[in-house]
Protein backbone atom coordinates (compact mmCIF):
# COMPACT_ATOMS: atom_id res chain seq x y z
CA UNK A 1 0.00 0.00 0.00
CA UNK A 2 2.78 2.41 0.94
CA UNK A 3 4.78 1.49 -2.16
CA UNK A 4 1.73 2.06 -4.36
CA UNK A 5 1.09 5.45 -2.73
CA UNK A 6 4.70 6.48 -3.27
CA UNK A 7 4.49 5.40 -6.91
CA UNK A 8 1.34 7.45 -7.41
CA UNK A 9 2.95 10.49 -5.74
CA UNK A 10 6.05 10.10 -7.92
CA UNK A 11 3.95 9.88 -11.08
CA UNK A 12 1.94 12.91 -9.98
CA UNK A 13 5.15 14.87 -9.35
CA UNK A 14 6.48 14.00 -12.80
CA UNK A 15 3.17 14.96 -14.40
CA UNK A 16 3.19 18.32 -12.61
CA UNK A 17 6.73 18.93 -13.83
CA UNK A 18 5.68 18.17 -17.41
CA UNK A 19 2.95 20.79 -17.11
CA UNK A 20 5.27 23.37 -15.55
CA UNK A 21 5.55 26.68 -17.38
CA UNK A 22 9.01 27.01 -18.92
CA UNK A 23 9.27 30.41 -17.27
CA UNK A 24 9.09 28.77 -13.82
CA UNK A 25 12.10 26.63 -14.70
CA UNK A 26 14.15 29.50 -16.10
CA UNK A 27 13.34 31.71 -13.09
CA UNK A 28 14.49 28.93 -10.76
CA UNK A 29 17.72 28.68 -12.79
CA UNK A 30 18.47 32.39 -12.31
CA UNK A 31 16.02 34.18 -14.59
CA UNK A 32 16.72 36.55 -17.43
CA UNK A 33 19.58 38.25 -15.59
CA UNK A 34 21.50 34.99 -15.23
CA UNK A 35 20.57 33.21 -18.46
CA UNK A 36 20.42 36.25 -20.77
CA UNK A 37 17.03 35.94 -22.47
CA UNK A 38 14.25 38.47 -23.13
CA UNK A 39 11.22 36.25 -22.48
CA UNK A 40 10.02 32.66 -22.44
CA UNK A 41 6.64 31.07 -23.22
CA UNK A 42 5.03 27.64 -23.12
CA UNK A 43 5.61 24.57 -21.00
CA UNK A 44 8.84 22.71 -20.38
CA UNK A 45 7.63 20.13 -22.87
CA UNK A 46 7.02 22.62 -25.66
CA UNK A 47 8.49 26.05 -24.93
CA UNK A 48 10.00 29.04 -26.68
CA UNK A 49 12.93 31.23 -25.59
CA UNK A 50 13.11 34.67 -27.23
CA UNK A 51 16.08 37.02 -27.48
CA UNK A 52 18.66 34.74 -25.87
CA UNK A 53 22.12 36.32 -25.96
CA UNK A 54 24.98 33.88 -26.54
CA UNK A 55 28.53 35.28 -26.51
CA UNK A 56 27.28 38.75 -27.42
CA UNK A 57 24.98 37.55 -30.20
CA UNK A 58 21.19 37.66 -29.89
CA UNK A 59 19.21 34.64 -31.15
CA UNK A 60 15.65 35.55 -32.07
CA UNK A 61 13.90 32.31 -31.11
CA UNK A 62 14.80 28.92 -29.67
CA UNK A 63 12.29 26.09 -29.37
CA UNK A 64 13.03 23.78 -26.42
CA UNK A 65 11.72 20.48 -25.12
CA UNK A 66 12.88 19.85 -21.57
CA UNK A 67 13.15 16.35 -20.10
CA UNK A 68 11.22 16.36 -16.78
CA UNK A 69 13.18 13.88 -14.65
CA UNK A 70 16.54 15.76 -14.62
CA UNK A 71 14.69 18.76 -13.15
CA UNK A 72 14.32 16.76 -9.94
CA UNK A 73 18.12 16.75 -9.67
CA UNK A 74 18.45 20.48 -10.42
CA UNK A 75 19.54 20.03 -14.04
CA UNK A 76 17.97 21.25 -17.28
CA UNK A 77 18.28 18.70 -20.09
CA UNK A 78 16.65 19.80 -23.33
CA UNK A 79 16.51 19.33 -27.07
CA UNK A 80 16.64 22.71 -28.81
CA UNK A 81 16.17 24.26 -32.24
CA UNK A 82 17.25 27.83 -33.00
CA UNK A 83 16.02 30.16 -35.76
CA UNK A 84 17.21 33.64 -36.64
CA UNK A 85 18.15 35.66 -39.75
CA UNK A 86 20.56 33.37 -41.58
CA UNK A 87 21.16 31.38 -38.41
CA UNK A 88 19.83 27.89 -37.77
CA UNK A 89 20.82 25.19 -35.34
CA UNK A 90 19.70 22.24 -33.28
CA UNK A 91 21.04 19.81 -30.73
CA UNK A 92 20.85 18.71 -27.13
CA UNK A 93 21.93 20.79 -24.12
CA UNK A 94 22.41 20.10 -20.41
CA UNK A 95 22.65 22.94 -17.90
CA UNK A 96 23.38 22.92 -14.19
CA UNK A 97 25.04 25.54 -11.96
CA UNK A 98 28.62 25.87 -13.23
CA UNK A 99 28.11 23.27 -15.95
CA UNK A 100 27.03 23.47 -19.61
CA UNK A 101 27.15 20.65 -22.14
CA UNK A 102 26.14 20.55 -25.81
CA UNK A 103 25.73 17.24 -27.63
CA UNK A 104 25.17 16.52 -31.33
CA UNK A 105 24.79 20.21 -32.15
CA UNK A 106 24.61 21.53 -35.70
CA UNK A 107 24.87 25.25 -36.50
CA UNK A 108 24.79 27.23 -39.73
CA UNK A 109 25.40 30.96 -39.49
CA UNK A 110 26.67 33.81 -41.67
CA UNK A 111 30.32 34.84 -41.43
CA UNK A 112 29.18 38.32 -40.35
CA UNK A 113 27.97 36.86 -37.04
CA UNK A 114 31.51 35.68 -36.28
CA UNK A 115 34.20 37.73 -37.94
CA UNK A 116 35.40 41.25 -38.59
CA UNK A 117 34.23 42.26 -42.08
CA UNK A 118 36.93 44.84 -42.81
CA UNK A 119 39.06 42.28 -44.65
CA UNK A 120 36.85 41.80 -47.70
CA UNK A 121 34.94 38.71 -46.61
CA UNK A 122 31.29 38.48 -47.56
CA UNK A 123 29.28 38.62 -44.31
CA UNK A 124 26.58 36.45 -45.92
CA UNK A 125 28.85 33.46 -46.54
CA UNK A 126 27.73 30.54 -44.35
CA UNK A 127 29.85 28.86 -41.71
CA UNK A 128 28.93 25.27 -40.85
CA UNK A 129 29.68 24.06 -37.33
CA UNK A 130 29.18 20.51 -36.08
CA UNK A 131 29.70 19.69 -32.41
CA UNK A 132 29.71 16.09 -31.28
CA UNK A 133 30.26 17.41 -27.76
CA UNK A 134 31.21 20.61 -25.96
CA UNK A 135 31.40 20.66 -22.17
CA UNK A 136 32.21 23.67 -19.98
CA UNK A 137 32.67 23.61 -16.21
CA UNK A 138 32.91 26.94 -14.40
CA UNK A 139 33.48 28.55 -17.78
CA UNK A 140 36.42 26.29 -18.69
CA UNK A 141 36.40 23.86 -21.57
CA UNK A 142 36.87 20.28 -20.34
CA UNK A 143 35.84 18.38 -23.47
CA UNK A 144 35.22 19.38 -27.08
CA UNK A 145 34.97 17.51 -30.35
CA UNK A 146 33.66 18.99 -33.56
CA UNK A 147 34.34 20.48 -36.96
CA UNK A 148 33.89 23.73 -38.86
CA UNK A 149 33.75 24.50 -42.57
CA UNK A 150 33.53 27.70 -44.64
CA UNK A 151 34.04 28.81 -48.23
CA UNK A 152 34.29 32.49 -47.30
CA UNK A 153 37.68 33.01 -49.03
CA UNK A 154 36.72 31.52 -52.37
CA UNK A 155 34.91 34.47 -53.97
CA UNK A 156 37.20 37.27 -52.66
CA UNK A 157 40.26 35.41 -53.98
CA UNK A 158 38.56 34.74 -57.31
CA UNK A 159 38.38 38.52 -57.85
CA UNK A 160 42.20 38.40 -58.11
CA UNK A 161 42.21 35.34 -60.37
CA UNK A 162 43.23 33.06 -57.49
CA UNK A 163 41.72 29.65 -56.77
CA UNK A 164 41.33 29.72 -52.98
CA UNK A 165 40.38 26.65 -50.94
CA UNK A 166 37.40 26.12 -48.68
CA UNK A 167 38.52 26.09 -45.07
CA UNK A 168 37.97 23.10 -42.82
CA UNK A 169 38.92 22.71 -39.18
CA UNK A 170 38.55 20.94 -35.86
CA UNK A 171 37.22 22.12 -32.51
CA UNK A 172 38.91 21.03 -29.27
CA UNK A 173 39.90 22.20 -25.78
CA UNK A 174 43.24 23.86 -24.98
CA UNK A 175 44.12 24.97 -21.43
CA UNK A 176 40.47 25.57 -20.57
CA UNK A 177 39.63 27.49 -23.75
CA UNK A 178 37.81 26.33 -26.87
CA UNK A 179 40.22 26.28 -29.80
CA UNK A 180 39.41 25.95 -33.49
CA UNK A 181 42.17 25.17 -35.99
CA UNK A 182 41.51 25.40 -39.73
CA UNK A 183 43.35 25.02 -43.02
CA UNK A 184 42.91 24.76 -46.77
CA UNK A 185 45.15 24.37 -49.79
CA UNK A 186 45.03 24.75 -53.57
CA UNK A 187 47.88 25.16 -56.09
CA UNK A 188 47.39 28.95 -55.80
CA UNK A 189 47.17 29.47 -52.04
CA UNK A 190 47.62 27.74 -48.69
CA UNK A 191 45.84 28.92 -45.56
CA UNK A 192 46.37 27.91 -41.92
CA UNK A 193 44.88 29.50 -38.85
CA UNK A 194 43.59 29.23 -35.33
CA UNK A 195 40.83 30.84 -33.29
CA UNK A 196 40.97 30.72 -29.49
CA UNK A 197 37.58 31.35 -27.88
CA UNK A 198 37.91 33.03 -24.47
CA UNK A 199 35.34 34.27 -21.96
CA UNK A 200 34.97 37.78 -23.38
CA UNK A 201 36.12 37.38 -26.98
CA UNK A 202 38.38 35.47 -29.32
CA UNK A 203 42.04 35.59 -30.39
CA UNK A 204 42.72 34.70 -34.00
CA UNK A 205 45.70 34.25 -36.28
CA UNK A 206 45.96 33.42 -39.98
CA UNK A 207 48.90 32.50 -42.21
CA UNK A 208 48.61 32.66 -46.01
CA UNK A 209 51.12 31.50 -48.60
CA UNK A 210 50.55 32.45 -52.24
CA UNK A 211 52.47 33.01 -55.45
CA UNK A 212 49.97 35.62 -56.67
CA UNK A 213 51.34 39.16 -56.48
CA UNK A 214 47.82 40.60 -56.76
CA UNK A 215 46.56 38.58 -53.80
CA UNK A 216 49.72 39.49 -51.86
CA UNK A 217 48.97 43.19 -52.43
CA UNK A 218 45.40 42.64 -51.22
CA UNK A 219 46.66 40.87 -48.09
CA UNK A 220 49.01 43.77 -47.36
CA UNK A 221 46.12 46.25 -47.68
CA UNK A 222 44.06 44.05 -45.32
CA UNK A 223 46.75 44.35 -42.64
CA UNK A 224 48.72 41.14 -43.19
CA UNK A 225 52.47 41.33 -42.57
CA UNK A 226 55.05 39.60 -44.76
CA UNK A 227 57.08 37.07 -42.75
CA UNK A 228 59.41 35.08 -45.00
CA UNK A 229 57.32 33.22 -47.56
CA UNK A 230 54.02 33.80 -45.75
CA UNK A 231 51.59 36.57 -44.90
CA UNK A 232 50.56 36.70 -41.27
CA UNK A 233 47.76 38.46 -39.38
CA UNK A 234 46.44 38.14 -35.85
CA UNK A 235 44.17 40.01 -33.48
CA UNK A 236 41.47 39.96 -30.85
CA UNK A 237 37.75 40.66 -31.19
CA UNK A 238 35.08 40.95 -28.52
CA UNK A 239 31.92 38.89 -29.00
CA UNK A 240 29.16 40.80 -30.75
CA UNK A 241 31.61 43.40 -32.11
CA UNK A 242 33.02 44.02 -35.57
CA UNK A 243 35.55 46.55 -34.36
């Protein structure tokens, strides 16, 4: 009798959690001030998050479906799907105080949401990101595995008669930061680079080797420095800034 009563109470508790407004969950997790959203609607089972700011970038709408049982342990475990101008993505996320994990995430976003556009890149060119896993504890990267791909250099180089490669790279952890390394090569040009994602912004560096004098002149105008047989550039950008 007692076991049956406990089972009924447990089922009732789970049912109440399923019917919880998503706003109640987000308020319990710290609210808009902690999580960085504008508003939320719906239930945990079928909710919407509007105006979430991620690393300085605002995402218009994210649909979420929260698993009820992890809420009993103080964790939010949810499937999500994001939609914004030129930005789409989906995956699974787990959140707890001091802990964030993304699994099987897929993102497609325009270059202009990531990079400084002073160097001739088309801000509309898509960047494809695939994350098998990304785990942060207390803001430090403890596990990351994924890939990134972009053809943003192809058209600008073609204007100088140069066949530039699409860039492909890997995502991993390095001393608590998320690091992305990328490269590409054609007979006309070789590109290697790295982006180090920190708490407030990202450090980047790019090396280009080319036999084209016209492309070399363009790299010099874009701020690249000649170092032996390569052109090198590096810098730092804050999230959400093109300065």
